[in-house]
Amino acid sequence: MTTQVIRTILPVAPNDYEQNYVNQLARNLDRVIDEQRNPLLNIQNMPSDGVANTLELGDLYEQNGFLRIVRQNDIFSGSSNATGAVGTVTVSTP
């Protein structure tokens, strides 16, 4: 499937204006429009949701193939394990 690209058309500046400035403006406007139509984004080392409890508000992370942003009320509990022992237990039977 092909996509038709429509270029912006700005009028040629009259002699009263500095044509070099208007031409630069037109080129930059075309560049911005192209970037908006075809954004290129490559984020390296994107953390996963497994470390989300270490991220700060506004940080990006990946969860099941989707890009997520840490929001104000998000809760990431993480996990922790602990073992312990106190004293001894004696069981006697008559």
N, C-alpha and C. Protein backbone atom coordinates (compact mmCIF):
# COMPACT_ATOMS: atom_id res chain seq x y z
N MET A 1 0.84 -1.17 0.00
CA MET A 1 0.00 0.00 0.00
C MET A 1 0.89 1.23 0.00
N THR A 2 0.62 2.16 -0.88
CA THR A 2 1.43 3.37 -0.95
C THR A 2 0.71 4.51 -0.25
N THR A 3 1.49 5.42 0.28
CA THR A 3 0.95 6.59 0.95
C THR A 3 1.33 7.81 0.16
N GLN A 4 0.36 8.62 -0.14
CA GLN A 4 0.63 9.84 -0.88
C GLN A 4 1.11 10.91 0.10
N VAL A 5 2.27 11.49 -0.20
CA VAL A 5 2.83 12.54 0.63
C VAL A 5 2.46 13.88 0.02
N ILE A 6 1.81 14.70 0.82
CA ILE A 6 1.41 16.02 0.34
C ILE A 6 2.37 17.04 0.92
N ARG A 7 3.09 17.71 0.05
CA ARG A 7 4.05 18.72 0.47
C ARG A 7 3.33 20.03 0.75
N THR A 8 3.79 20.71 1.76
CA THR A 8 3.23 22.02 2.04
C THR A 8 3.71 23.00 0.98
N ILE A 9 2.85 23.91 0.62
CA ILE A 9 3.21 24.90 -0.39
C ILE A 9 3.11 26.27 0.26
N LEU A 10 4.24 26.92 0.38
CA LEU A 10 4.25 28.27 0.90
C LEU A 10 4.49 29.22 -0.26
N PRO A 11 3.85 30.34 -0.26
CA PRO A 11 4.04 31.28 -1.37
C PRO A 11 5.47 31.81 -1.40
N VAL A 12 5.92 32.16 -2.60
CA VAL A 12 7.23 32.75 -2.75
C VAL A 12 7.18 34.15 -2.13
N ALA A 13 8.19 34.48 -1.37
CA ALA A 13 8.20 35.77 -0.67
C ALA A 13 8.30 36.92 -1.67
N PRO A 14 7.58 37.99 -1.43
CA PRO A 14 7.73 39.15 -2.30
C PRO A 14 9.11 39.78 -2.12
N ASN A 15 9.48 40.64 -3.01
CA ASN A 15 10.81 41.25 -2.96
C ASN A 15 11.01 42.07 -1.69
N ASP A 16 9.94 42.52 -1.05
CA ASP A 16 10.07 43.32 0.17
C ASP A 16 10.58 42.48 1.33
N TYR A 17 10.39 41.17 1.27
CA TYR A 17 10.85 40.29 2.32
C TYR A 17 12.21 39.72 1.93
N GLU A 18 12.95 39.24 2.92
CA GLU A 18 14.22 38.59 2.63
C GLU A 18 13.91 37.16 2.19
N GLN A 19 14.09 36.89 0.92
CA GLN A 19 13.70 35.59 0.37
C GLN A 19 14.49 34.44 0.99
N ASN A 20 15.73 34.64 1.34
CA ASN A 20 16.54 33.58 1.94
C ASN A 20 15.91 33.11 3.25
N TYR A 21 15.44 34.05 4.05
CA TYR A 21 14.81 33.70 5.32
C TYR A 21 13.53 32.90 5.10
N VAL A 22 12.69 33.34 4.18
CA VAL A 22 11.43 32.65 3.93
C VAL A 22 11.68 31.27 3.34
N ASN A 23 12.68 31.12 2.49
CA ASN A 23 13.03 29.81 1.94
C ASN A 23 13.52 28.87 3.03
N GLN A 24 14.34 29.37 3.96
CA GLN A 24 14.79 28.54 5.09
C GLN A 24 13.59 28.14 5.96
N LEU A 25 12.68 29.08 6.16
CA LEU A 25 11.49 28.78 6.94
C LEU A 25 10.66 27.68 6.29
N ALA A 26 10.50 27.76 4.98
CA ALA A 26 9.72 26.74 4.26
C ALA A 26 10.40 25.38 4.35
N ARG A 27 11.72 25.32 4.20
CA ARG A 27 12.43 24.03 4.30
C ARG A 27 12.30 23.43 5.70
N ASN A 28 12.44 24.29 6.70
CA ASN A 28 12.33 23.79 8.07
C ASN A 28 10.91 23.34 8.40
N LEU A 29 9.93 24.04 7.89
CA LEU A 29 8.54 23.63 8.09
C LEU A 29 8.28 22.28 7.43
N ASP A 30 8.79 22.08 6.23
CA ASP A 30 8.65 20.78 5.57
C ASP A 30 9.33 19.68 6.39
N ARG A 31 10.49 19.96 6.96
CA ARG A 31 11.22 18.98 7.76
C ARG A 31 10.41 18.60 9.00
N VAL A 32 9.83 19.59 9.67
CA VAL A 32 9.03 19.31 10.87
C VAL A 32 7.80 18.47 10.51
N ILE A 33 7.16 18.80 9.41
CA ILE A 33 5.98 18.03 8.99
C ILE A 33 6.38 16.60 8.65
N ASP A 34 7.50 16.41 7.98
CA ASP A 34 7.98 15.06 7.67
C ASP A 34 8.25 14.27 8.94
N GLU A 35 8.88 14.91 9.91
CA GLU A 35 9.18 14.22 11.17
C GLU A 35 7.91 13.85 11.92
N GLN A 36 6.89 14.66 11.83
CA GLN A 36 5.62 14.34 12.49
C GLN A 36 4.90 13.20 11.79
N ARG A 37 5.02 13.14 10.48
CA ARG A 37 4.36 12.06 9.73
C ARG A 37 5.10 10.74 9.87
N ASN A 38 6.40 10.77 10.02
CA ASN A 38 7.23 9.57 10.08
C ASN A 38 8.19 9.65 11.27
N PRO A 39 7.69 9.54 12.49
CA PRO A 39 8.59 9.67 13.64
C PRO A 39 9.53 8.47 13.74
N LEU A 40 10.76 8.74 14.10
CA LEU A 40 11.76 7.70 14.32
C LEU A 40 12.19 7.79 15.78
N LEU A 41 11.98 6.71 16.52
CA LEU A 41 12.32 6.70 17.93
C LEU A 41 12.92 5.35 18.25
N ASN A 42 14.08 5.37 18.87
CA ASN A 42 14.75 4.13 19.26
C ASN A 42 15.30 4.33 20.66
N ILE A 43 14.66 3.72 21.63
CA ILE A 43 15.09 3.86 23.02
C ILE A 43 15.87 2.61 23.40
N GLN A 44 17.13 2.80 23.72
CA GLN A 44 18.00 1.68 24.10
C GLN A 44 17.87 1.39 25.59
N ASN A 45 18.06 0.14 25.97
CA ASN A 45 18.08 -0.30 27.37
C ASN A 45 16.81 0.08 28.13
N MET A 46 15.67 -0.17 27.52
CA MET A 46 14.38 0.12 28.16
C MET A 46 14.17 -0.88 29.30
N PRO A 47 13.97 -0.39 30.54
CA PRO A 47 13.73 -1.33 31.64
C PRO A 47 12.36 -1.99 31.51
N SER A 48 12.23 -3.17 32.11
CA SER A 48 10.95 -3.87 32.08
C SER A 48 10.19 -3.59 33.38
N ASP A 49 8.97 -4.11 33.46
CA ASP A 49 8.16 -3.89 34.65
C ASP A 49 8.72 -4.63 35.87
N GLY A 50 9.69 -5.52 35.67
CA GLY A 50 10.30 -6.22 36.79
C GLY A 50 11.10 -5.31 37.70
N VAL A 51 11.55 -4.18 37.20
CA VAL A 51 12.30 -3.23 38.02
C VAL A 51 11.53 -1.93 38.21
N ALA A 52 10.22 -1.97 37.95
CA ALA A 52 9.40 -0.75 38.00
C ALA A 52 9.40 -0.11 39.38
N ASN A 53 9.59 -0.91 40.45
CA ASN A 53 9.58 -0.33 41.79
C ASN A 53 10.82 0.53 42.06
N THR A 54 11.80 0.51 41.15
CA THR A 54 12.99 1.36 41.31
C THR A 54 12.90 2.62 40.45
N LEU A 55 11.85 2.74 39.65
CA LEU A 55 11.72 3.89 38.74
C LEU A 55 11.08 5.07 39.44
N GLU A 56 11.27 6.25 38.85
CA GLU A 56 10.72 7.47 39.41
C GLU A 56 9.55 7.96 38.57
N LEU A 57 8.80 8.88 39.08
CA LEU A 57 7.66 9.46 38.39
C LEU A 57 8.07 9.98 37.02
N GLY A 58 7.35 9.55 35.97
CA GLY A 58 7.64 10.00 34.61
C GLY A 58 8.60 9.12 33.84
N ASP A 59 9.25 8.15 34.49
CA ASP A 59 10.17 7.24 33.79
C ASP A 59 9.39 6.31 32.87
N LEU A 60 10.04 5.86 31.80
CA LEU A 60 9.46 4.91 30.85
C LEU A 60 9.91 3.50 31.17
N TYR A 61 9.03 2.52 30.93
CA TYR A 61 9.39 1.11 31.06
C TYR A 61 8.53 0.30 30.11
N GLU A 62 8.93 -0.96 29.87
CA GLU A 62 8.22 -1.85 28.94
C GLU A 62 7.49 -2.92 29.74
N GLN A 63 6.23 -3.16 29.35
CA GLN A 63 5.45 -4.21 29.99
C GLN A 63 4.68 -4.97 28.92
N ASN A 64 5.02 -6.24 28.72
CA ASN A 64 4.37 -7.11 27.74
C ASN A 64 4.34 -6.48 26.34
N GLY A 65 5.44 -5.86 25.94
CA GLY A 65 5.54 -5.28 24.61
C GLY A 65 4.95 -3.90 24.46
N PHE A 66 4.47 -3.30 25.54
CA PHE A 66 3.89 -1.96 25.49
C PHE A 66 4.76 -0.98 26.28
N LEU A 67 4.84 0.23 25.79
CA LEU A 67 5.56 1.30 26.46
C LEU A 67 4.67 1.89 27.55
N ARG A 68 5.19 1.98 28.75
CA ARG A 68 4.44 2.51 29.88
C ARG A 68 5.20 3.68 30.51
N ILE A 69 4.46 4.53 31.22
CA ILE A 69 5.04 5.67 31.93
C ILE A 69 4.63 5.56 33.39
N VAL A 70 5.59 5.76 34.29
CA VAL A 70 5.28 5.72 35.72
C VAL A 70 4.46 6.97 36.06
N ARG A 71 3.25 6.74 36.58
CA ARG A 71 2.34 7.84 36.93
C ARG A 71 2.33 8.06 38.44
N GLN A 72 1.68 9.13 38.86
CA GLN A 72 1.68 9.55 40.26
C GLN A 72 1.16 8.46 41.20
N ASN A 73 0.06 7.82 40.86
CA ASN A 73 -0.57 6.87 41.78
C ASN A 73 -0.26 5.41 41.48
N ASP A 74 0.70 5.13 40.62
CA ASP A 74 1.09 3.75 40.34
C ASP A 74 1.78 3.15 41.55
N ILE A 75 1.48 1.88 41.82
CA ILE A 75 2.08 1.18 42.95
C ILE A 75 2.81 -0.05 42.42
N PHE A 76 4.09 -0.10 42.68
CA PHE A 76 4.91 -1.26 42.30
C PHE A 76 5.50 -1.81 43.59
N SER A 77 4.93 -2.92 44.07
CA SER A 77 5.32 -3.42 45.38
C SER A 77 6.65 -4.15 45.38
N GLY A 78 7.05 -4.70 44.24
CA GLY A 78 8.28 -5.48 44.25
C GLY A 78 8.07 -6.74 45.06
N SER A 79 9.12 -7.35 45.52
CA SER A 79 8.99 -8.55 46.33
C SER A 79 10.17 -8.64 47.29
N SER A 80 9.93 -9.31 48.41
CA SER A 80 11.00 -9.54 49.37
C SER A 80 10.73 -10.85 50.09
N ASN A 81 11.79 -11.51 50.47
CA ASN A 81 11.69 -12.78 51.18
C ASN A 81 12.50 -12.69 52.46
N ALA A 82 12.01 -13.36 53.50
CA ALA A 82 12.75 -13.39 54.76
C ALA A 82 12.45 -14.70 55.48
N THR A 83 13.43 -15.18 56.19
CA THR A 83 13.24 -16.36 57.05
C THR A 83 13.86 -16.03 58.40
N GLY A 84 13.37 -16.69 59.41
CA GLY A 84 13.92 -16.45 60.74
C GLY A 84 13.53 -17.57 61.69
N ALA A 85 14.18 -17.60 62.81
CA ALA A 85 13.88 -18.62 63.82
C ALA A 85 14.11 -18.02 65.19
N VAL A 86 13.23 -18.39 66.13
CA VAL A 86 13.37 -17.92 67.49
C VAL A 86 13.15 -19.11 68.43
N GLY A 87 14.13 -19.41 69.23
CA GLY A 87 14.00 -20.45 70.24
C GLY A 87 13.82 -21.86 69.63
N THR A 88 13.35 -22.76 70.48
CA THR A 88 13.10 -24.14 70.06
C THR A 88 11.72 -24.57 70.53
N VAL A 89 11.20 -25.56 69.88
CA VAL A 89 9.88 -26.09 70.24
C VAL A 89 10.08 -27.57 70.62
N THR A 90 9.52 -27.93 71.78
CA THR A 90 9.59 -29.31 72.23
C THR A 90 8.19 -29.88 72.30
N VAL A 91 8.01 -31.01 71.66
CA VAL A 91 6.71 -31.67 71.67
C VAL A 91 6.89 -33.00 72.38
N SER A 92 6.06 -33.22 73.40
CA SER A 92 6.14 -34.49 74.13
C SER A 92 4.78 -35.16 74.13
N THR A 93 4.81 -36.47 74.08
CA THR A 93 3.57 -37.23 74.07
C THR A 93 3.58 -38.14 75.30
N PRO A 94 2.43 -38.40 75.93
CA PRO A 94 2.40 -39.26 77.12
C PRO A 94 2.56 -40.73 76.84
